[in-house]
Protein backbone atom coordinates (compact mmCIF):
# COMPACT_ATOMS: atom_id res chain seq x y z
CA MET A 1 14.41 -35.01 -1.54
CA THR A 2 15.23 -38.51 -2.47
CA GLU A 3 15.71 -40.60 0.68
CA PRO A 4 19.40 -41.57 1.04
CA VAL A 5 20.61 -45.02 0.16
CA THR A 6 23.25 -46.18 2.67
CA ARG A 7 26.21 -48.34 1.55
CA THR A 8 29.69 -49.28 2.89
CA LEU A 9 33.00 -49.66 1.50
CA ASP A 10 35.94 -51.56 3.09
CA VAL A 11 39.33 -49.81 2.82
CA PRO A 12 42.58 -50.67 4.57
CA GLY A 13 42.06 -50.23 8.32
CA ALA A 14 38.40 -49.16 8.29
CA THR A 15 34.81 -49.64 6.85
CA LEU A 16 33.43 -46.38 5.40
CA THR A 17 29.79 -45.75 5.41
CA TYR A 18 28.38 -43.33 2.75
CA ASP A 19 24.92 -42.22 1.54
CA VAL A 20 23.69 -41.68 -2.07
CA ARG A 21 20.77 -39.30 -2.79
CA GLY A 22 19.46 -39.55 -6.30
CA ASP A 23 20.68 -41.30 -9.40
CA LEU A 24 24.46 -41.53 -9.84
CA ALA A 25 23.94 -41.33 -13.66
CA GLN A 26 23.32 -37.54 -12.96
CA ARG A 27 26.72 -36.03 -13.57
CA PRO A 28 28.65 -34.57 -12.15
CA VAL A 29 27.97 -36.11 -8.73
CA LEU A 30 28.33 -33.76 -5.83
CA LEU A 31 30.35 -35.27 -2.93
CA ILE A 32 29.81 -33.22 0.25
CA ILE A 33 32.42 -33.90 2.98
CA GLY A 34 33.49 -32.73 6.44
CA SER A 35 35.93 -33.82 9.02
CA PRO A 36 35.34 -34.74 11.75
CA MET A 37 31.73 -33.86 10.84
CA GLY A 38 29.99 -36.88 9.26
CA ALA A 39 27.25 -37.33 6.95
CA SER A 40 24.70 -36.13 9.71
CA GLY A 41 25.80 -32.62 9.24
CA PHE A 42 24.76 -32.26 5.62
CA PRO A 43 21.06 -33.39 5.05
CA THR A 44 19.83 -29.64 4.85
CA LEU A 45 22.50 -28.72 2.35
CA ALA A 46 21.97 -31.69 0.27
CA SER A 47 18.18 -30.99 0.06
CA TYR A 48 18.97 -27.94 -1.99
CA PHE A 49 20.57 -30.13 -4.89
CA GLU A 50 17.59 -32.33 -5.93
CA ASP A 51 18.85 -32.06 -9.54
CA ARG A 52 22.08 -33.72 -8.58
CA ALA A 53 23.20 -37.02 -7.26
CA VAL A 54 24.67 -36.12 -3.85
CA VAL A 55 26.99 -38.38 -1.91
CA THR A 56 27.82 -37.87 1.61
CA TYR A 57 30.05 -40.10 4.03
CA ASP A 58 31.45 -40.50 7.56
CA PRO A 59 35.15 -40.22 7.69
CA ARG A 60 37.00 -43.19 9.19
CA GLY A 61 36.48 -43.17 12.97
CA VAL A 62 33.40 -40.97 12.93
CA GLU A 63 29.85 -42.11 13.50
CA ARG A 64 29.18 -45.19 11.22
CA SER A 65 32.70 -45.52 9.67
CA VAL A 66 34.41 -47.92 12.07
CA ARG A 67 38.19 -48.19 12.31
CA ASP A 68 40.25 -51.43 12.85
CA GLY A 69 42.75 -51.80 15.65
CA GLU A 70 44.36 -49.09 17.58
CA LEU A 71 42.79 -45.60 17.33
CA THR A 72 46.03 -43.71 16.25
CA GLU A 73 46.04 -40.10 15.05
CA LEU A 74 45.09 -39.52 11.42
CA SER A 75 46.49 -37.35 8.69
CA PRO A 76 44.89 -35.58 5.73
CA GLU A 77 46.80 -38.05 3.53
CA ASP A 78 44.91 -40.86 5.32
CA HIS A 79 41.58 -39.26 4.53
CA ALA A 80 42.56 -38.46 1.04
CA ALA A 81 43.30 -42.11 0.43
CA ASP A 82 39.88 -42.84 1.61
CA LEU A 83 38.24 -40.27 -0.50
CA ALA A 84 40.09 -41.52 -3.54
CA ALA A 85 38.94 -45.05 -2.84
CA LEU A 86 35.39 -43.89 -2.47
CA ILE A 87 35.32 -41.90 -5.64
CA ASP A 88 36.96 -44.80 -7.59
CA HIS A 89 34.31 -47.12 -6.10
CA LEU A 90 31.39 -44.92 -7.15
CA ASP A 91 32.73 -45.20 -10.71
CA VAL A 92 31.20 -41.95 -11.91
CA GLY A 93 34.18 -40.18 -13.21
CA PRO A 94 35.30 -36.77 -11.68
CA VAL A 95 33.07 -35.38 -9.13
CA ASP A 96 32.30 -31.89 -7.61
CA ILE A 97 33.31 -31.60 -4.07
CA PHE A 98 32.05 -29.28 -1.45
CA ALA A 99 34.39 -29.70 1.52
CA SER A 100 34.05 -28.15 5.01
CA SER A 101 36.60 -27.45 7.59
CA GLY A 102 38.81 -30.49 8.24
CA GLY A 103 37.14 -31.88 5.13
CA ALA A 104 38.61 -28.99 3.04
CA VAL A 105 42.04 -29.86 4.19
CA ASN A 106 41.47 -33.55 3.33
CA ALA A 107 40.08 -32.58 -0.08
CA LEU A 108 43.12 -30.29 -0.74
CA ALA A 109 45.25 -33.24 -0.14
CA LEU A 110 43.03 -35.28 -2.48
CA ALA A 111 43.38 -32.59 -5.18
CA ALA A 112 47.24 -32.72 -4.92
CA ARG A 113 47.51 -36.45 -5.32
CA ARG A 114 44.44 -37.40 -7.46
CA PRO A 115 43.24 -34.30 -9.47
CA ASP A 116 41.66 -36.72 -12.02
CA LEU A 117 39.07 -37.40 -9.53
CA ILE A 118 37.90 -33.91 -9.26
CA ASN A 119 35.90 -31.63 -11.37
CA THR A 120 35.54 -28.72 -9.16
CA LEU A 121 36.41 -28.42 -5.50
CA VAL A 122 34.95 -25.87 -3.13
CA ALA A 123 37.25 -25.83 0.07
CA HIS A 124 35.35 -23.94 2.71
CA GLU A 125 37.39 -22.59 5.68
CA PRO A 126 40.24 -25.15 5.98
CA PRO A 127 41.75 -24.80 9.33
CA LEU A 128 45.40 -24.62 8.06
CA ALA A 129 46.97 -23.19 11.22
CA GLY A 130 50.44 -24.05 9.82
CA ILE A 131 50.29 -21.45 6.97
CA ILE A 132 48.70 -18.40 8.65
CA PRO A 133 51.04 -15.54 9.64
CA ASP A 134 50.73 -16.29 13.41
CA HIS A 135 51.31 -20.00 12.79
CA GLN A 136 53.70 -20.47 15.81
CA SER A 137 51.21 -19.18 18.47
CA ALA A 138 48.32 -20.91 16.74
CA GLN A 139 50.06 -24.27 16.74
CA ALA A 140 51.32 -23.72 20.40
CA ALA A 141 47.54 -23.09 21.35
CA ILE A 142 46.64 -26.39 19.43
CA ALA A 143 49.36 -28.37 21.12
CA ASP A 144 48.24 -27.11 24.45
CA MET A 145 44.61 -28.08 23.64
CA TYR A 146 45.74 -31.53 22.78
CA GLU A 147 47.81 -31.82 25.92
CA THR A 148 44.83 -30.73 27.94
CA TYR A 149 42.67 -33.31 26.30
CA GLN A 150 45.11 -36.09 26.96
CA ARG A 151 45.68 -34.89 30.73
CA ASP A 152 42.22 -33.75 31.76
CA GLY A 153 39.66 -35.32 29.29
CA LEU A 154 36.99 -34.09 26.76
CA GLY A 155 35.39 -31.14 28.62
CA PRO A 156 38.59 -29.07 29.40
CA GLY A 157 40.17 -29.96 25.97
CA MET A 158 37.06 -29.04 24.03
CA ALA A 159 36.51 -25.79 25.99
CA LYS A 160 39.96 -24.79 24.79
CA PHE A 161 39.11 -25.86 21.19
CA ILE A 162 35.83 -23.81 21.18
CA ALA A 163 37.66 -20.68 22.60
CA LEU A 164 40.33 -21.03 19.93
CA VAL A 165 38.14 -21.40 16.90
CA MET A 166 35.89 -18.50 18.05
CA TYR A 167 39.03 -16.25 18.55
CA ASP A 168 38.87 -13.10 16.28
CA GLY A 169 41.99 -12.28 14.69
CA GLU A 170 45.68 -13.24 15.09
CA ILE A 171 46.53 -15.51 18.05
CA PRO A 172 48.80 -13.60 20.50
CA ALA A 173 52.16 -15.08 21.52
CA ASP A 174 50.99 -15.33 25.30
CA TYR A 175 47.65 -17.04 24.34
CA THR A 176 48.38 -20.27 26.28
CA GLN A 177 49.32 -18.12 29.46
CA GLN A 178 45.73 -16.86 29.62
CA PRO A 179 43.25 -18.49 32.09
CA ALA A 180 41.66 -21.56 30.64
CA PRO A 181 38.02 -21.28 29.73
CA ASP A 182 35.46 -23.08 32.03
CA PRO A 183 34.05 -26.11 30.35
CA ALA A 184 30.62 -25.35 31.99
CA MET A 185 30.58 -22.07 29.98
CA PHE A 186 29.87 -24.30 26.85
CA GLY A 187 27.81 -26.98 28.61
CA LEU A 188 30.75 -29.32 28.82
CA PRO A 189 31.54 -31.63 31.77
CA ALA A 190 34.60 -30.80 33.85
CA GLU A 191 34.92 -34.52 35.01
CA ASP A 192 37.22 -36.97 33.11
CA ASP A 193 35.44 -40.09 32.03
CA GLY A 194 38.73 -41.59 31.09
CA SER A 195 38.13 -41.95 27.36
CA ARG A 196 40.57 -40.67 24.80
CA THR A 197 38.79 -41.65 21.64
CA ASP A 198 37.17 -38.44 20.45
CA ALA A 199 37.41 -38.12 16.76
CA LEU A 200 38.35 -34.36 16.79
CA LEU A 201 40.64 -34.00 19.74
CA GLY A 202 42.16 -37.48 19.81
CA GLN A 203 42.31 -38.47 16.18
CA ASN A 204 42.31 -35.48 13.78
CA LEU A 205 43.16 -32.17 15.39
CA ARG A 206 46.93 -32.23 15.16
CA GLY A 207 47.23 -33.82 11.68
CA CYS A 208 44.70 -31.55 10.22
CA THR A 209 45.84 -28.20 11.46
CA SER A 210 49.52 -28.71 10.92
CA TYR A 211 49.09 -30.00 7.49
CA GLN A 212 51.23 -28.24 4.75
CA PRO A 213 49.42 -28.53 1.39
CA ASP A 214 51.43 -29.28 -1.63
CA PHE A 215 50.86 -25.87 -3.26
CA ASP A 216 53.12 -26.82 -6.32
CA ALA A 217 50.80 -29.68 -7.20
CA LEU A 218 47.64 -27.59 -6.37
CA GLY A 219 48.85 -24.72 -8.51
CA LYS A 220 48.58 -27.01 -11.49
CA VAL A 221 44.92 -27.53 -10.90
CA ARG A 222 44.01 -24.06 -9.43
CA ASP A 223 41.33 -23.36 -12.12
CA ARG A 224 39.36 -26.29 -10.49
CA ILE A 225 39.65 -25.05 -6.88
CA VAL A 226 37.50 -22.51 -5.21
CA VAL A 227 38.53 -21.43 -1.62
CA GLY A 228 35.47 -20.18 0.44
CA VAL A 229 35.27 -18.10 3.62
CA GLY A 230 32.29 -17.24 5.83
CA GLU A 231 31.13 -13.63 5.78
CA GLU A 232 30.96 -13.80 9.53
CA SER A 233 33.98 -15.92 10.38
CA HIS A 234 36.75 -14.93 7.92
CA ASN A 235 38.95 -13.40 10.86
CA ALA A 236 38.66 -16.66 12.84
CA LEU A 237 41.24 -19.28 12.53
CA ALA A 238 39.69 -21.45 9.91
CA GLY A 239 38.59 -18.48 7.76
CA ARG A 240 42.12 -17.08 7.89
CA GLY A 241 43.50 -20.58 6.98
CA GLY A 242 41.29 -20.32 3.85
CA LYS A 243 42.46 -16.87 2.99
CA ALA A 244 46.06 -17.96 3.38
CA ALA A 245 45.42 -20.89 1.07
CA ALA A 246 43.82 -18.78 -1.46
CA GLU A 247 46.66 -16.41 -1.43
CA ARG A 248 49.29 -19.16 -1.84
CA LEU A 249 47.35 -20.29 -4.96
CA GLY A 250 46.85 -16.82 -6.32
CA LEU A 251 43.05 -17.07 -5.93
CA THR A 252 40.51 -14.66 -4.51
CA PRO A 253 38.51 -16.34 -1.74
CA VAL A 254 34.84 -16.51 -2.34
CA VAL A 255 32.77 -15.20 0.56
CA PHE A 256 29.88 -17.47 1.56
CA PRO A 257 26.89 -16.50 3.68
CA SER A 258 26.93 -16.82 7.44
CA ASN A 259 29.81 -18.47 9.33
CA HIS A 260 31.90 -21.64 9.63
CA GLY A 261 28.75 -23.83 9.57
CA GLY A 262 26.68 -21.55 7.30
CA PHE A 263 25.37 -24.61 5.46
CA LEU A 264 23.68 -26.12 8.50
CA GLY A 265 20.06 -26.37 9.06
CA ASN A 266 19.10 -27.43 12.55
CA GLU A 267 21.29 -30.58 12.47
CA TYR A 268 23.08 -29.42 15.62
CA GLY A 269 20.75 -26.62 16.91
CA GLN A 270 23.04 -23.88 15.44
CA PRO A 271 21.48 -23.13 11.97
CA GLY A 272 23.40 -20.96 9.65
CA LYS A 273 21.81 -19.63 6.39
CA PRO A 274 21.47 -22.89 4.26
CA GLU A 275 19.41 -21.57 1.59
CA GLU A 276 21.61 -18.62 0.76
CA PHE A 277 24.82 -20.88 1.32
CA ALA A 278 23.38 -23.39 -1.21
CA ALA A 279 22.66 -20.70 -3.75
CA LYS A 280 26.16 -19.48 -3.49
CA LEU A 281 27.46 -22.98 -3.75
CA ARG A 282 25.41 -23.47 -6.87
CA GLU A 283 26.74 -20.39 -8.36
CA VAL A 284 30.46 -21.19 -7.78
CA LEU A 285 29.84 -24.79 -9.11
CA GLY A 286 28.54 -23.33 -12.27
């Protein structure tokens, strides 16, 4: 695989860092994005597309993409503006996009506002808690998670996050009354270090999960959108968000191998089935 070339792009309020593998003259370019996952989560997946130019990036406030000023919460519209700026800057015409998790939410926001930049969008497991049938209890659990993070710090907040995203099926109305998970169960610290700058819990959690996509605008370009769900995770919150989005668009969700991180190699020590995942992605991209 071609070694990535790292570049930066100044946008209002941040400097984005992105990586290019291959020759951008190879069209269409494949843009691979997550949120808050940065480019470090995608080398394995990118390696299966040696016949393509592949671009990955760190969203603002993540890893190498530095924000200016106060670290306020971000919305999918903020990220969509960054993505539009990046694609315009690449000057390669419309791109194919594989978007994972919060990245899928951001890419749906981009597709609604700038469909001219997209050839095909594969939105894999967008955690759209605001559109699933149990949205009230799901959003209450997310609000509780955010409040826990602000009050008690990263470990307790992240423990609640992991427990929620692993939950199989609809979130019950009394979910927040259940005993809180022990951070030690997930190898997390119980002590509060005083920081509140976490890219997931502090900056992206609420804006991402509460987002209401513009389904009227997306419906006009539905022929360019593929919604993916994991074969092992389609009953978890993100998978159900994907199924709900597909239903609103009149699409049949495409089942991808493995789980929410099925594209991963050993980037974070939790490999999925990247070879099978890449084969499925290549198939749906045509």
